[in-house]
N, C-alpha and C. Protein backbone atom coordinates (compact mmCIF):
# COMPACT_ATOMS: atom_id res chain seq x y z
N MET A 1 37.80 -60.83 -12.17
CA MET A 1 38.09 -61.94 -13.04
C MET A 1 39.60 -62.22 -13.08
N GLU A 2 40.37 -61.14 -13.06
CA GLU A 2 41.82 -61.32 -13.09
C GLU A 2 42.32 -62.07 -11.86
N SER A 3 41.76 -61.76 -10.68
CA SER A 3 42.21 -62.44 -9.46
C SER A 3 41.79 -63.91 -9.47
N GLU A 4 40.64 -64.22 -10.07
CA GLU A 4 40.20 -65.62 -10.18
C GLU A 4 41.14 -66.41 -11.09
N ILE A 5 41.51 -65.83 -12.23
CA ILE A 5 42.45 -66.49 -13.14
C ILE A 5 43.80 -66.67 -12.47
N GLU A 6 44.27 -65.64 -11.78
CA GLU A 6 45.56 -65.71 -11.09
C GLU A 6 45.54 -66.79 -10.00
N SER A 7 44.43 -66.88 -9.27
CA SER A 7 44.29 -67.91 -8.23
C SER A 7 44.34 -69.31 -8.84
N MET A 8 43.70 -69.49 -10.00
CA MET A 8 43.73 -70.81 -10.66
C MET A 8 45.13 -71.15 -11.13
N LYS A 9 45.89 -70.16 -11.61
CA LYS A 9 47.27 -70.41 -12.02
C LYS A 9 48.13 -70.80 -10.83
N ILE A 10 48.00 -70.06 -9.72
CA ILE A 10 48.80 -70.34 -8.52
C ILE A 10 48.50 -71.73 -7.96
N ASN A 11 47.21 -72.10 -7.92
CA ASN A 11 46.80 -73.39 -7.36
C ASN A 11 46.88 -74.54 -8.35
N LYS A 12 47.25 -74.24 -9.60
CA LYS A 12 47.41 -75.25 -10.66
C LYS A 12 46.18 -76.16 -10.76
N VAL A 13 45.01 -75.53 -10.92
CA VAL A 13 43.76 -76.30 -10.97
C VAL A 13 43.46 -76.85 -12.35
N TRP A 14 44.21 -76.41 -13.37
CA TRP A 14 43.99 -76.93 -14.71
C TRP A 14 45.30 -76.90 -15.48
N THR A 15 45.31 -77.68 -16.57
CA THR A 15 46.48 -77.74 -17.43
C THR A 15 46.05 -77.40 -18.84
N LEU A 16 46.71 -76.48 -19.46
CA LEU A 16 46.40 -76.08 -20.82
C LEU A 16 46.97 -77.11 -21.79
N VAL A 17 46.14 -77.64 -22.67
CA VAL A 17 46.59 -78.64 -23.64
C VAL A 17 46.13 -78.22 -25.03
N GLU A 18 46.75 -78.79 -26.03
CA GLU A 18 46.36 -78.53 -27.43
C GLU A 18 45.06 -79.27 -27.72
N GLY A 19 44.16 -78.63 -28.41
CA GLY A 19 42.92 -79.28 -28.83
C GLY A 19 43.14 -80.04 -30.13
N SER A 20 42.30 -81.01 -30.40
CA SER A 20 42.36 -81.74 -31.66
C SER A 20 40.97 -81.77 -32.28
N LYS A 21 40.91 -82.09 -33.56
CA LYS A 21 39.64 -82.05 -34.28
C LYS A 21 38.66 -83.14 -33.83
N ASP A 22 39.17 -84.28 -33.34
CA ASP A 22 38.28 -85.39 -32.96
C ASP A 22 37.81 -85.32 -31.51
N ILE A 23 38.24 -84.31 -30.76
CA ILE A 23 37.81 -84.16 -29.36
C ILE A 23 36.95 -82.92 -29.24
N LYS A 24 35.77 -83.09 -28.63
CA LYS A 24 34.89 -81.96 -28.40
C LYS A 24 35.31 -81.26 -27.11
N LEU A 25 35.59 -79.98 -27.20
CA LEU A 25 36.03 -79.23 -26.03
C LEU A 25 34.84 -78.87 -25.14
N ILE A 26 35.11 -78.73 -23.85
CA ILE A 26 34.09 -78.35 -22.88
C ILE A 26 34.15 -76.84 -22.72
N GLY A 27 33.01 -76.21 -22.80
CA GLY A 27 32.95 -74.77 -22.65
C GLY A 27 32.97 -74.35 -21.19
N CYS A 28 33.06 -73.07 -20.97
CA CYS A 28 33.02 -72.52 -19.63
C CYS A 28 32.29 -71.19 -19.68
N LYS A 29 31.93 -70.70 -18.51
CA LYS A 29 31.28 -69.39 -18.45
C LYS A 29 31.64 -68.73 -17.13
N TRP A 30 31.50 -67.41 -17.11
CA TRP A 30 31.74 -66.64 -15.90
C TRP A 30 30.44 -66.48 -15.14
N VAL A 31 30.50 -66.68 -13.83
CA VAL A 31 29.35 -66.46 -12.95
C VAL A 31 29.72 -65.30 -12.03
N TYR A 32 28.88 -64.29 -12.01
CA TYR A 32 29.14 -63.08 -11.22
C TYR A 32 28.18 -63.00 -10.04
N LYS A 33 28.68 -62.48 -8.93
CA LYS A 33 27.87 -62.35 -7.73
C LYS A 33 28.28 -61.10 -6.98
N LYS A 34 27.30 -60.45 -6.37
CA LYS A 34 27.58 -59.28 -5.53
C LYS A 34 27.34 -59.67 -4.08
N ARG A 35 28.26 -59.33 -3.21
CA ARG A 35 28.07 -59.55 -1.77
C ARG A 35 27.49 -58.27 -1.19
N ILE A 36 26.30 -58.37 -0.60
CA ILE A 36 25.62 -57.22 -0.03
C ILE A 36 25.86 -57.20 1.48
N GLY A 37 26.21 -56.05 2.03
CA GLY A 37 26.48 -55.91 3.45
C GLY A 37 25.23 -55.63 4.25
N ALA A 38 25.39 -55.44 5.54
CA ALA A 38 24.27 -55.20 6.45
C ALA A 38 23.55 -53.89 6.12
N ASN A 39 24.27 -52.95 5.52
CA ASN A 39 23.66 -51.66 5.18
C ASN A 39 23.08 -51.66 3.75
N TRP A 40 22.95 -52.85 3.16
CA TRP A 40 22.37 -53.06 1.83
C TRP A 40 23.21 -52.42 0.71
N LYS A 41 24.48 -52.23 0.95
CA LYS A 41 25.39 -51.73 -0.09
C LYS A 41 26.31 -52.87 -0.51
N VAL A 42 26.76 -52.82 -1.75
CA VAL A 42 27.64 -53.85 -2.27
C VAL A 42 28.99 -53.76 -1.58
N GLU A 43 29.41 -54.87 -0.95
CA GLU A 43 30.71 -54.91 -0.28
C GLU A 43 31.80 -55.40 -1.23
N THR A 44 31.52 -56.49 -1.92
CA THR A 44 32.50 -57.04 -2.86
C THR A 44 31.80 -57.61 -4.08
N TYR A 45 32.54 -57.69 -5.16
CA TYR A 45 32.09 -58.35 -6.37
C TYR A 45 32.89 -59.63 -6.52
N LYS A 46 32.22 -60.73 -6.85
CA LYS A 46 32.90 -62.01 -7.02
C LYS A 46 32.71 -62.49 -8.45
N ALA A 47 33.71 -63.16 -8.99
CA ALA A 47 33.62 -63.76 -10.32
C ALA A 47 34.21 -65.16 -10.26
N HIS A 48 33.49 -66.14 -10.78
CA HIS A 48 33.95 -67.52 -10.80
C HIS A 48 33.86 -68.06 -12.22
N LEU A 49 34.91 -68.72 -12.67
CA LEU A 49 34.91 -69.37 -13.96
C LEU A 49 34.51 -70.82 -13.74
N VAL A 50 33.41 -71.25 -14.35
CA VAL A 50 32.91 -72.61 -14.15
C VAL A 50 32.83 -73.34 -15.48
N ALA A 51 33.11 -74.64 -15.44
CA ALA A 51 32.99 -75.48 -16.63
C ALA A 51 31.54 -75.89 -16.80
N LYS A 52 31.14 -76.06 -18.03
CA LYS A 52 29.78 -76.54 -18.32
C LYS A 52 29.80 -78.06 -18.13
N GLY A 53 29.62 -78.47 -16.87
CA GLY A 53 29.78 -79.86 -16.47
C GLY A 53 28.82 -80.83 -17.11
N HIS A 54 27.68 -80.37 -17.59
CA HIS A 54 26.71 -81.28 -18.20
C HIS A 54 27.24 -81.91 -19.48
N CYS A 55 28.32 -81.40 -20.02
CA CYS A 55 28.91 -81.94 -21.25
C CYS A 55 30.00 -82.98 -20.96
N GLN A 56 30.39 -83.13 -19.71
CA GLN A 56 31.53 -83.98 -19.38
C GLN A 56 31.13 -85.45 -19.31
N LYS A 57 32.13 -86.32 -19.62
CA LYS A 57 31.94 -87.76 -19.53
C LYS A 57 33.09 -88.34 -18.70
N GLU A 58 32.74 -89.19 -17.72
CA GLU A 58 33.76 -89.78 -16.84
C GLU A 58 34.74 -90.61 -17.65
N GLY A 59 36.02 -90.47 -17.34
CA GLY A 59 37.07 -91.20 -18.04
C GLY A 59 37.57 -90.48 -19.27
N ILE A 60 36.78 -89.53 -19.80
CA ILE A 60 37.19 -88.78 -20.98
C ILE A 60 37.59 -87.36 -20.56
N ASN A 61 36.67 -86.67 -19.89
CA ASN A 61 36.91 -85.29 -19.49
C ASN A 61 37.42 -85.16 -18.05
N TYR A 62 37.21 -86.16 -17.24
CA TYR A 62 37.71 -86.12 -15.87
C TYR A 62 37.94 -87.55 -15.39
N ASP A 63 38.85 -87.69 -14.40
CA ASP A 63 39.22 -89.03 -13.92
C ASP A 63 38.55 -89.39 -12.61
N ASN A 64 38.32 -88.43 -11.76
CA ASN A 64 37.71 -88.73 -10.47
C ASN A 64 36.65 -87.69 -10.16
N PHE A 65 35.85 -87.97 -9.16
CA PHE A 65 34.74 -87.10 -8.80
C PHE A 65 34.88 -86.75 -7.33
N SER A 66 34.74 -85.49 -7.00
CA SER A 66 34.81 -85.05 -5.62
C SER A 66 33.42 -84.63 -5.16
N PRO A 67 32.75 -85.48 -4.39
CA PRO A 67 31.42 -85.12 -3.93
C PRO A 67 31.47 -83.95 -2.95
N VAL A 68 30.44 -83.14 -2.98
CA VAL A 68 30.35 -81.97 -2.12
C VAL A 68 29.04 -82.03 -1.36
N ALA A 69 29.08 -81.79 -0.06
CA ALA A 69 27.87 -81.79 0.76
C ALA A 69 27.81 -80.50 1.56
N MET A 70 26.59 -80.03 1.76
CA MET A 70 26.42 -78.83 2.58
C MET A 70 26.60 -79.21 4.05
N LEU A 71 27.18 -78.31 4.82
CA LEU A 71 27.42 -78.56 6.24
C LEU A 71 26.10 -78.83 6.96
N LYS A 72 25.04 -78.11 6.61
CA LYS A 72 23.73 -78.32 7.23
C LYS A 72 23.27 -79.76 7.05
N SER A 73 23.47 -80.32 5.86
CA SER A 73 23.04 -81.69 5.58
C SER A 73 23.78 -82.69 6.45
N ILE A 74 25.08 -82.49 6.63
CA ILE A 74 25.88 -83.40 7.46
C ILE A 74 25.44 -83.30 8.92
N LEU A 75 25.18 -82.09 9.40
CA LEU A 75 24.75 -81.91 10.79
C LEU A 75 23.38 -82.56 11.04
N ILE A 76 22.48 -82.44 10.08
CA ILE A 76 21.16 -83.08 10.22
C ILE A 76 21.32 -84.60 10.26
N LEU A 77 22.16 -85.14 9.39
CA LEU A 77 22.40 -86.58 9.38
C LEU A 77 22.99 -87.06 10.71
N LEU A 78 23.94 -86.32 11.24
CA LEU A 78 24.53 -86.69 12.53
C LEU A 78 23.52 -86.60 13.67
N ALA A 79 22.63 -85.61 13.62
CA ALA A 79 21.59 -85.49 14.64
C ALA A 79 20.63 -86.68 14.59
N ILE A 80 20.28 -87.12 13.39
CA ILE A 80 19.40 -88.28 13.23
C ILE A 80 20.06 -89.53 13.77
N VAL A 81 21.33 -89.72 13.44
CA VAL A 81 22.07 -90.88 13.93
C VAL A 81 22.15 -90.86 15.45
N ALA A 82 22.45 -89.71 16.05
CA ALA A 82 22.53 -89.60 17.50
C ALA A 82 21.19 -89.89 18.15
N TYR A 83 20.09 -89.42 17.54
CA TYR A 83 18.76 -89.65 18.09
C TYR A 83 18.42 -91.13 18.09
N TYR A 84 18.66 -91.81 16.97
CA TYR A 84 18.31 -93.22 16.89
C TYR A 84 19.28 -94.09 17.67
N ASP A 85 20.49 -93.62 17.92
CA ASP A 85 21.45 -94.36 18.73
C ASP A 85 20.95 -94.45 20.18
N HIS A 86 20.29 -93.42 20.66
CA HIS A 86 19.74 -93.40 22.02
C HIS A 86 18.47 -94.24 22.11
N GLU A 87 17.75 -94.39 21.02
CA GLU A 87 16.52 -95.17 20.99
C GLU A 87 16.78 -96.66 21.17
N ILE A 88 17.89 -97.14 20.68
CA ILE A 88 18.21 -98.58 20.72
C ILE A 88 18.69 -98.94 22.06
């Protein structure tokens, strides 16, 4: 958890601001994961601090949105496009 917090400070991913009574703050939680190796033993422990995004409202809690796509999804889409490009 300490390395995750330190990484966020170094990369300046958030800014600490004073809260006020008329603004509802967004909560966060820690998500823990174990990386299991080929020999079925724990290799590393991971901890990520995540915001409870279901409480956020565009323009109030965040200004822009960064869409994320899985690499598999992009490759499948490109394969479909390439297939239909040859059909025409």
